[in-house]
């Protein structure tokens, strides 16, 4: 059991601007969208395990992460978006 204390508000409009795939993932996570700034992948303990500048690349190497459930926090010029990520 875990608790996430951060509350993020995203309009329906903004939610359609991002695609995170594949999910579940194994070695690489891709994030497609417009006006992307950065992303942070958190483990279930709330620790940031991968930080990526999405202005430079939209493919994230996750091969060093253990299998499990994570959250991906994506920042863009229009706000923040959080999605659950499963790594196999």
PDB file of N, CA and C in Angstrom:
ATOM      1  N   UNK A   1       0.849  -1.177   0.000  1.00  0.00           N
ATOM      2  CA  UNK A   1       0.000   0.000   0.000  1.00  0.00           C
ATOM      3  C   UNK A   1       0.887   1.230   0.000  1.00  0.00           C
ATOM      4  N   UNK A   2       0.470   2.231  -0.746  1.00  0.00           N
ATOM      5  CA  UNK A   2       1.250   3.458  -0.800  1.00  0.00           C
ATOM      6  C   UNK A   2       0.321   4.655  -0.932  1.00  0.00           C
ATOM      7  N   UNK A   3       0.836   5.817  -0.595  1.00  0.00           N
ATOM      8  CA  UNK A   3       0.072   7.047  -0.680  1.00  0.00           C
ATOM      9  C   UNK A   3       0.865   8.054  -1.484  1.00  0.00           C
ATOM     10  N   UNK A   4       0.190   8.723  -2.389  1.00  0.00           N
ATOM     11  CA  UNK A   4       0.815   9.814  -3.139  1.00  0.00           C
ATOM     12  C   UNK A   4       0.184  11.102  -2.643  1.00  0.00           C
ATOM     13  N   UNK A   5       0.993  11.984  -2.079  1.00  0.00           N
ATOM     14  CA  UNK A   5       0.484  13.204  -1.477  1.00  0.00           C
ATOM     15  C   UNK A   5       0.348  14.357  -2.462  1.00  0.00           C
ATOM     16  N   UNK A   6       0.972  14.252  -3.620  1.00  0.00           N
ATOM     17  CA  UNK A   6       0.890  15.339  -4.595  1.00  0.00           C
ATOM     18  C   UNK A   6      -0.428  15.271  -5.336  1.00  0.00           C
ATOM     19  N   UNK A   7      -1.109  16.392  -5.409  1.00  0.00           N
ATOM     20  CA  UNK A   7      -2.340  16.473  -6.178  1.00  0.00           C
ATOM     21  C   UNK A   7      -2.048  17.306  -7.407  1.00  0.00           C
ATOM     22  N   UNK A   8      -2.332  16.741  -8.559  1.00  0.00           N
ATOM     23  CA  UNK A   8      -2.052  17.430  -9.806  1.00  0.00           C
ATOM     24  C   UNK A   8      -3.364  17.609 -10.547  1.00  0.00           C
ATOM     25  N   UNK A   9      -3.597  18.804 -11.008  1.00  0.00           N
ATOM     26  CA  UNK A   9      -4.829  19.074 -11.744  1.00  0.00           C
ATOM     27  C   UNK A   9      -4.469  19.310 -13.204  1.00  0.00           C
ATOM     28  N   UNK A  10      -5.121  18.568 -14.071  1.00  0.00           N
ATOM     29  CA  UNK A  10      -4.865  18.683 -15.501  1.00  0.00           C
ATOM     30  C   UNK A  10      -6.206  18.742 -16.206  1.00  0.00           C
ATOM     31  N   UNK A  11      -6.337  19.681 -17.132  1.00  0.00           N
ATOM     32  CA  UNK A  11      -7.585  19.767 -17.871  1.00  0.00           C
ATOM     33  C   UNK A  11      -7.688  18.598 -18.835  1.00  0.00           C
ATOM     34  N   UNK A  12      -8.903  18.257 -19.242  1.00  0.00           N
ATOM     35  CA  UNK A  12      -9.094  17.178 -20.220  1.00  0.00           C
ATOM     36  C   UNK A  12      -8.329  17.488 -21.491  1.00  0.00           C
ATOM     37  N   UNK A  13      -8.279  18.744 -21.856  1.00  0.00           N
ATOM     38  CA  UNK A  13      -7.547  19.179 -23.046  1.00  0.00           C
ATOM     39  C   UNK A  13      -6.081  18.755 -22.967  1.00  0.00           C
ATOM     40  N   UNK A  14      -5.449  19.021 -21.821  1.00  0.00           N
ATOM     41  CA  UNK A  14      -4.034  18.712 -21.639  1.00  0.00           C
ATOM     42  C   UNK A  14      -3.767  17.219 -21.634  1.00  0.00           C
ATOM     43  N   UNK A  15      -4.713  16.433 -21.103  1.00  0.00           N
ATOM     44  CA  UNK A  15      -4.496  14.997 -21.008  1.00  0.00           C
ATOM     45  C   UNK A  15      -4.344  14.356 -22.377  1.00  0.00           C
ATOM     46  N   UNK A  16      -4.941  14.918 -23.393  1.00  0.00           N
ATOM     47  CA  UNK A  16      -4.862  14.357 -24.734  1.00  0.00           C
ATOM     48  C   UNK A  16      -3.586  14.758 -25.460  1.00  0.00           C
ATOM     49  N   UNK A  17      -2.744  15.554 -24.835  1.00  0.00           N
ATOM     50  CA  UNK A  17      -1.542  16.051 -25.488  1.00  0.00           C
ATOM     51  C   UNK A  17      -0.339  15.138 -25.316  1.00  0.00           C
ATOM     52  N   UNK A  18      -0.442  14.101 -24.493  1.00  0.00           N
ATOM     53  CA  UNK A  18       0.686  13.232 -24.208  1.00  0.00           C
ATOM     54  C   UNK A  18       0.360  11.792 -24.543  1.00  0.00           C
ATOM     55  N   UNK A  19       1.363  11.095 -25.042  1.00  0.00           N
ATOM     56  CA  UNK A  19       1.266   9.655 -25.226  1.00  0.00           C
ATOM     57  C   UNK A  19       2.507   9.040 -24.595  1.00  0.00           C
ATOM     58  N   UNK A  20       2.289   8.135 -23.646  1.00  0.00           N
ATOM     59  CA  UNK A  20       3.385   7.446 -22.962  1.00  0.00           C
ATOM     60  C   UNK A  20       3.291   5.983 -23.369  1.00  0.00           C
ATOM     61  N   UNK A  21       4.343   5.471 -24.011  1.00  0.00           N
ATOM     62  CA  UNK A  21       4.301   4.096 -24.503  1.00  0.00           C
ATOM     63  C   UNK A  21       5.701   3.511 -24.572  1.00  0.00           C
ATOM     64  N   UNK A  22       5.859   2.203 -24.578  1.00  0.00           N
ATOM     65  CA  UNK A  22       4.844   1.199 -24.277  1.00  0.00           C
ATOM     66  C   UNK A  22       4.604   1.167 -22.780  1.00  0.00           C
ATOM     67  N   UNK A  23       3.475   0.684 -22.390  1.00  0.00           N
ATOM     68  CA  UNK A  23       3.138   0.551 -20.981  1.00  0.00           C
ATOM     69  C   UNK A  23       2.270  -0.680 -20.832  1.00  0.00           C
ATOM     70  N   UNK A  24       2.796  -1.783 -20.350  1.00  0.00           N
ATOM     71  CA  UNK A  24       4.059  -1.974 -19.649  1.00  0.00           C
ATOM     72  C   UNK A  24       5.280  -1.837 -20.576  1.00  0.00           C
ATOM     73  N   UNK A  25       6.388  -1.446 -19.955  1.00  0.00           N
ATOM     74  CA  UNK A  25       7.628  -1.213 -20.694  1.00  0.00           C
ATOM     75  C   UNK A  25       8.730  -2.124 -20.154  1.00  0.00           C
ATOM     76  N   UNK A  26       9.806  -2.257 -20.942  1.00  0.00           N
ATOM     77  CA  UNK A  26      10.936  -3.063 -20.487  1.00  0.00           C
ATOM     78  C   UNK A  26      12.246  -2.280 -20.500  1.00  0.00           C
ATOM     79  N   UNK A  27      12.650  -1.750 -21.648  1.00  0.00           N
ATOM     80  CA  UNK A  27      13.951  -1.087 -21.762  1.00  0.00           C
ATOM     81  C   UNK A  27      13.881   0.404 -22.069  1.00  0.00           C
ATOM     82  N   UNK A  28      12.886   0.802 -22.839  1.00  0.00           N
ATOM     83  CA  UNK A  28      12.774   2.199 -23.264  1.00  0.00           C
ATOM     84  C   UNK A  28      11.337   2.660 -23.094  1.00  0.00           C
ATOM     85  N   UNK A  29      11.175   3.887 -22.609  1.00  0.00           N
ATOM     86  CA  UNK A  29       9.869   4.511 -22.491  1.00  0.00           C
ATOM     87  C   UNK A  29       9.859   5.717 -23.417  1.00  0.00           C
ATOM     88  N   UNK A  30       8.830   5.846 -24.229  1.00  0.00           N
ATOM     89  CA  UNK A  30       8.705   6.973 -25.147  1.00  0.00           C
ATOM     90  C   UNK A  30       7.592   7.895 -24.682  1.00  0.00           C
ATOM     91  N   UNK A  31       7.825   9.190 -24.797  1.00  0.00           N
ATOM     92  CA  UNK A  31       6.815  10.181 -24.456  1.00  0.00           C
ATOM     93  C   UNK A  31       6.686  11.118 -25.645  1.00  0.00           C
ATOM     94  N   UNK A  32       5.505  11.120 -26.244  1.00  0.00           N
ATOM     95  CA  UNK A  32       5.233  12.010 -27.370  1.00  0.00           C
ATOM     96  C   UNK A  32       4.279  13.099 -26.919  1.00  0.00           C
ATOM     97  N   UNK A  33       4.506  14.293 -27.399  1.00  0.00           N
ATOM     98  CA  UNK A  33       3.632  15.410 -27.065  1.00  0.00           C
ATOM     99  C   UNK A  33       4.261  16.714 -27.498  1.00  0.00           C
ATOM    100  N   UNK A  34       3.505  17.770 -27.313  1.00  0.00           N
ATOM    101  CA  UNK A  34       3.978  19.097 -27.690  1.00  0.00           C
ATOM    102  C   UNK A  34       4.332  19.900 -26.444  1.00  0.00           C
ATOM    103  N   UNK A  35       5.289  20.785 -26.593  1.00  0.00           N
ATOM    104  CA  UNK A  35       5.689  21.719 -25.529  1.00  0.00           C
ATOM    105  C   UNK A  35       6.186  21.001 -24.279  1.00  0.00           C
ATOM    106  N   UNK A  36       6.818  19.847 -24.453  1.00  0.00           N
ATOM    107  CA  UNK A  36       7.335  19.074 -23.325  1.00  0.00           C
ATOM    108  C   UNK A  36       8.566  19.736 -22.740  1.00  0.00           C
ATOM    109  N   UNK A  37       8.706  19.655 -21.420  1.00  0.00           N
ATOM    110  CA  UNK A  37       9.865  20.234 -20.748  1.00  0.00           C
ATOM    111  C   UNK A  37      10.720  19.134 -20.122  1.00  0.00           C
ATOM    112  N   UNK A  38      10.116  18.336 -19.238  1.00  0.00           N
ATOM    113  CA  UNK A  38      10.898  17.311 -18.545  1.00  0.00           C
ATOM    114  C   UNK A  38       9.978  16.234 -17.994  1.00  0.00           C
ATOM    115  N   UNK A  39      10.596  15.145 -17.553  1.00  0.00           N
ATOM    116  CA  UNK A  39       9.837  14.084 -16.895  1.00  0.00           C
ATOM    117  C   UNK A  39      10.669  13.532 -15.751  1.00  0.00           C
ATOM    118  N   UNK A  40       9.964  13.029 -14.752  1.00  0.00           N
ATOM    119  CA  UNK A  40      10.598  12.370 -13.619  1.00  0.00           C
ATOM    120  C   UNK A  40       9.835  11.087 -13.351  1.00  0.00           C
ATOM    121  N   UNK A  41      10.558   9.989 -13.237  1.00  0.00           N
ATOM    122  CA  UNK A  41       9.952   8.715 -12.881  1.00  0.00           C
ATOM    123  C   UNK A  41      10.205   8.493 -11.394  1.00  0.00           C
ATOM    124  N   UNK A  42       9.133   8.185 -10.655  1.00  0.00           N
ATOM    125  CA  UNK A  42       9.207   7.945  -9.215  1.00  0.00           C
ATOM    126  C   UNK A  42       8.888   6.488  -8.900  1.00  0.00           C
ATOM    127  N   UNK A  43       9.588   5.932  -7.910  1.00  0.00           N
ATOM    128  CA  UNK A  43       9.229   4.601  -7.439  1.00  0.00           C
ATOM    129  C   UNK A  43       8.074   4.743  -6.450  1.00  0.00           C
ATOM    130  N   UNK A  44       7.593   3.630  -5.915  1.00  0.00           N
ATOM    131  CA  UNK A  44       6.442   3.676  -5.021  1.00  0.00           C
ATOM    132  C   UNK A  44       6.753   4.294  -3.663  1.00  0.00           C
ATOM    133  N   UNK A  45       8.028   4.489  -3.366  1.00  0.00           N
ATOM    134  CA  UNK A  45       8.417   5.166  -2.132  1.00  0.00           C
ATOM    135  C   UNK A  45       8.527   6.674  -2.326  1.00  0.00           C
ATOM    136  N   UNK A  46       8.226   7.149  -3.539  1.00  0.00           N
ATOM    137  CA  UNK A  46       8.275   8.581  -3.818  1.00  0.00           C
ATOM    138  C   UNK A  46       9.650   9.103  -4.169  1.00  0.00           C
ATOM    139  N   UNK A  47      10.598   8.199  -4.376  1.00  0.00           N
ATOM    140  CA  UNK A  47      11.959   8.619  -4.753  1.00  0.00           C
ATOM    141  C   UNK A  47      12.055   8.813  -6.254  1.00  0.00           C
ATOM    142  N   UNK A  48      12.647   9.906  -6.681  1.00  0.00           N
ATOM    143  CA  UNK A  48      12.892  10.137  -8.099  1.00  0.00           C
ATOM    144  C   UNK A  48      14.007   9.199  -8.540  1.00  0.00           C
ATOM    145  N   UNK A  49      13.724   8.359  -9.548  1.00  0.00           N
ATOM    146  CA  UNK A  49      14.723   7.393 -10.002  1.00  0.00           C
ATOM    147  C   UNK A  49      15.279   7.734 -11.379  1.00  0.00           C
ATOM    148  N   UNK A  50      14.542   8.495 -12.189  1.00  0.00           N
ATOM    149  CA  UNK A  50      15.036   8.921 -13.501  1.00  0.00           C
ATOM    150  C   UNK A  50      14.488  10.317 -13.789  1.00  0.00           C
ATOM    151  N   UNK A  51      15.389  11.250 -14.117  1.00  0.00           N
ATOM    152  CA  UNK A  51      15.005  12.594 -14.550  1.00  0.00           C
ATOM    153  C   UNK A  51      15.445  12.770 -15.992  1.00  0.00           C
ATOM    154  N   UNK A  52      14.564  13.305 -16.841  1.00  0.00           N
ATOM    155  CA  UNK A  52      14.886  13.447 -18.255  1.00  0.00           C
ATOM    156  C   UNK A  52      14.456  14.816 -18.767  1.00  0.00           C
ATOM    157  N   UNK A  53      15.327  15.455 -19.533  1.00  0.00           N
ATOM    158  CA  UNK A  53      15.001  16.704 -20.220  1.00  0.00           C
ATOM    159  C   UNK A  53      14.314  16.332 -21.529  1.00  0.00           C
ATOM    160  N   UNK A  54      13.004  16.510 -21.604  1.00  0.00           N
ATOM    161  CA  UNK A  54      12.256  16.106 -22.797  1.00  0.00           C
ATOM    162  C   UNK A  54      12.418  17.078 -23.958  1.00  0.00           C
ATOM    163  N   UNK A  55      13.087  18.189 -23.738  1.00  0.00           N
ATOM    164  CA  UNK A  55      13.379  19.096 -24.846  1.00  0.00           C
ATOM    165  C   UNK A  55      14.535  18.556 -25.685  1.00  0.00           C
ATOM    166  N   UNK A  56      15.313  17.634 -25.091  1.00  0.00           N
ATOM    167  CA  UNK A  56      16.452  17.040 -25.783  1.00  0.00           C
ATOM    168  C   UNK A  56      16.107  15.684 -26.400  1.00  0.00           C
ATOM    169  N   UNK A  57      15.318  14.882 -25.699  1.00  0.00           N
ATOM    170  CA  UNK A  57      14.953  13.545 -26.170  1.00  0.00           C
ATOM    171  C   UNK A  57      13.590  13.177 -25.628  1.00  0.00           C
ATOM    172  N   UNK A  58      12.885  12.318 -26.343  1.00  0.00           N
ATOM    173  CA  UNK A  58      11.595  11.863 -25.856  1.00  0.00           C
ATOM    174  C   UNK A  58      11.601  10.352 -25.642  1.00  0.00           C
ATOM    175  N   UNK A  59      12.802   9.757 -25.636  1.00  0.00           N
ATOM    176  CA  UNK A  59      12.973   8.338 -25.329  1.00  0.00           C
ATOM    177  C   UNK A  59      13.805   8.240 -24.060  1.00  0.00           C
ATOM    178  N   UNK A  60      13.319   7.452 -23.104  1.00  0.00           N
ATOM    179  CA  UNK A  60      13.971   7.357 -21.804  1.00  0.00           C
ATOM    180  C   UNK A  60      14.453   5.925 -21.595  1.00  0.00           C
ATOM    181  N   UNK A  61      15.734   5.776 -21.282  1.00  0.00           N
ATOM    182  CA  UNK A  61      16.308   4.459 -20.994  1.00  0.00           C
ATOM    183  C   UNK A  61      15.886   4.061 -19.583  1.00  0.00           C
ATOM    184  N   UNK A  62      15.099   3.003 -19.479  1.00  0.00           N
ATOM    185  CA  UNK A  62      14.646   2.504 -18.180  1.00  0.00           C
ATOM    186  C   UNK A  62      15.179   1.101 -17.909  1.00  0.00           C
ATOM    187  N   UNK A  63      16.169   0.666 -18.686  1.00  0.00           N
ATOM    188  CA  UNK A  63      16.689  -0.698 -18.582  1.00  0.00           C
ATOM    189  C   UNK A  63      17.305  -0.995 -17.214  1.00  0.00           C
ATOM    190  N   UNK A  64      17.732   0.042 -16.474  1.00  0.00           N
ATOM    191  CA  UNK A  64      18.354  -0.182 -15.170  1.00  0.00           C
ATOM    192  C   UNK A  64      17.342  -0.222 -14.028  1.00  0.00           C
ATOM    193  N   UNK A  65      16.045  -0.010 -14.322  1.00  0.00           N
ATOM    194  CA  UNK A  65      15.027  -0.029 -13.273  1.00  0.00           C
ATOM    195  C   UNK A  65      14.495  -1.446 -13.060  1.00  0.00           C
ATOM    196  N   UNK A  66      14.204  -1.766 -11.821  1.00  0.00           N
ATOM    197  CA  UNK A  66      13.653  -3.079 -11.494  1.00  0.00           C
ATOM    198  C   UNK A  66      12.197  -3.156 -11.922  1.00  0.00           C
ATOM    199  N   UNK A  67      11.709  -4.353 -12.149  1.00  0.00           N
ATOM    200  CA  UNK A  67      10.298  -4.557 -12.473  1.00  0.00           C
ATOM    201  C   UNK A  67       9.445  -4.021 -11.340  1.00  0.00           C
ATOM    202  N   UNK A  68       8.323  -3.412 -11.697  1.00  0.00           N
ATOM    203  CA  UNK A  68       7.428  -2.887 -10.676  1.00  0.00           C
ATOM    204  C   UNK A  68       6.561  -1.769 -11.209  1.00  0.00           C
ATOM    205  N   UNK A  69       5.910  -1.100 -10.284  1.00  0.00           N
ATOM    206  CA  UNK A  69       5.007  -0.001 -10.617  1.00  0.00           C
ATOM    207  C   UNK A  69       5.686   1.316 -10.253  1.00  0.00           C
ATOM    208  N   UNK A  70       5.605   2.274 -11.143  1.00  0.00           N
ATOM    209  CA  UNK A  70       6.199   3.595 -10.977  1.00  0.00           C
ATOM    210  C   UNK A  70       5.172   4.642 -11.388  1.00  0.00           C
ATOM    211  N   UNK A  71       5.472   5.905 -11.134  1.00  0.00           N
ATOM    212  CA  UNK A  71       4.674   6.991 -11.692  1.00  0.00           C
ATOM    213  C   UNK A  71       5.604   7.867 -12.524  1.00  0.00           C
ATOM    214  N   UNK A  72       5.054   8.409 -13.604  1.00  0.00           N
ATOM    215  CA  UNK A  72       5.806   9.305 -14.476  1.00  0.00           C
ATOM    216  C   UNK A  72       5.153  10.672 -14.373  1.00  0.00           C
ATOM    217  N   UNK A  73       5.922  11.665 -13.958  1.00  0.00           N
ATOM    218  CA  UNK A  73       5.450  13.043 -13.876  1.00  0.00           C
ATOM    219  C   UNK A  73       6.015  13.775 -15.093  1.00  0.00           C
ATOM    220  N   UNK A  74       5.130  14.234 -15.971  1.00  0.00           N
ATOM    221  CA  UNK A  74       5.545  14.923 -17.199  1.00  0.00           C
ATOM    222  C   UNK A  74       5.212  16.397 -17.058  1.00  0.00           C
ATOM    223  N   UNK A  75       6.196  17.248 -17.290  1.00  0.00           N
ATOM    224  CA  UNK A  75       5.988  18.686 -17.238  1.00  0.00           C
ATOM    225  C   UNK A  75       6.028  19.263 -18.640  1.00  0.00           C
ATOM    226  N   UNK A  76       5.058  20.120 -18.919  1.00  0.00           N
ATOM    227  CA  UNK A  76       5.024  20.817 -20.205  1.00  0.00           C
ATOM    228  C   UNK A  76       4.762  22.286 -19.931  1.00  0.00           C
ATOM    229  N   UNK A  77       4.729  23.070 -20.986  1.00  0.00           N
ATOM    230  CA  UNK A  77       4.441  24.490 -20.843  1.00  0.00           C
ATOM    231  C   UNK A  77       3.019  24.725 -20.336  1.00  0.00           C
ATOM    232  N   UNK A  78       2.155  23.737 -20.452  1.00  0.00           N
ATOM    233  CA  UNK A  78       0.758  23.893 -20.058  1.00  0.00           C
ATOM    234  C   UNK A  78       0.433  23.297 -18.698  1.00  0.00           C
ATOM    235  N   UNK A  79       1.379  22.650 -18.044  1.00  0.00           N
ATOM    236  CA  UNK A  79       1.107  22.081 -16.728  1.00  0.00           C
ATOM    237  C   UNK A  79       1.807  20.760 -16.528  1.00  0.00           C
ATOM    238  N   UNK A  80       1.292  19.984 -15.582  1.00  0.00           N
ATOM    239  CA  UNK A  80       1.879  18.692 -15.252  1.00  0.00           C
ATOM    240  C   UNK A  80       0.866  17.579 -15.445  1.00  0.00           C
ATOM    241  N   UNK A  81       1.399  16.395 -15.721  1.00  0.00           N
ATOM    242  CA  UNK A  81       0.570  15.220 -15.970  1.00  0.00           C
ATOM    243  C   UNK A  81       1.250  14.037 -15.297  1.00  0.00           C
ATOM    244  N   UNK A  82       0.489  13.209 -14.623  1.00  0.00           N
ATOM    245  CA  UNK A  82       1.048  12.039 -13.943  1.00  0.00           C
ATOM    246  C   UNK A  82       0.381  10.793 -14.490  1.00  0.00           C
ATOM    247  N   UNK A  83       1.197   9.782 -14.802  1.00  0.00           N
ATOM    248  CA  UNK A  83       0.660   8.517 -15.302  1.00  0.00           C
ATOM    249  C   UNK A  83       1.360   7.362 -14.604  1.00  0.00           C
ATOM    250  N   UNK A  84       0.619   6.288 -14.369  1.00  0.00           N
ATOM    251  CA  UNK A  84       1.186   5.076 -13.784  1.00  0.00           C
ATOM    252  C   UNK A  84       1.974   4.350 -14.878  1.00  0.00           C
ATOM    253  N   UNK A  85       3.121   3.788 -14.505  1.00  0.00           N
ATOM    254  CA  UNK A  85       3.981   3.056 -15.417  1.00  0.00           C
ATOM    255  C   UNK A  85       4.300   1.703 -14.827  1.00  0.00           C
ATOM    256  N   UNK A  86       4.163   0.668 -15.618  1.00  0.00           N
ATOM    257  CA  UNK A  86       4.546  -0.683 -15.192  1.00  0.00           C
ATOM    258  C   UNK A  86       5.796  -1.078 -15.967  1.00  0.00           C
ATOM    259  N   UNK A  87       6.810  -1.502 -15.234  1.00  0.00           N
ATOM    260  CA  UNK A  87       8.041  -1.969 -15.864  1.00  0.00           C
ATOM    261  C   UNK A  87       8.135  -3.459 -15.617  1.00  0.00           C
ATOM    262  N   UNK A  88       8.314  -4.217 -16.729  1.00  0.00           N
ATOM    263  CA  UNK A  88       8.393  -5.681 -16.641  1.00  0.00           C
ATOM    264  C   UNK A  88       9.831  -6.128 -16.573  1.00  0.00           C
TER     265      UNK A  88
END
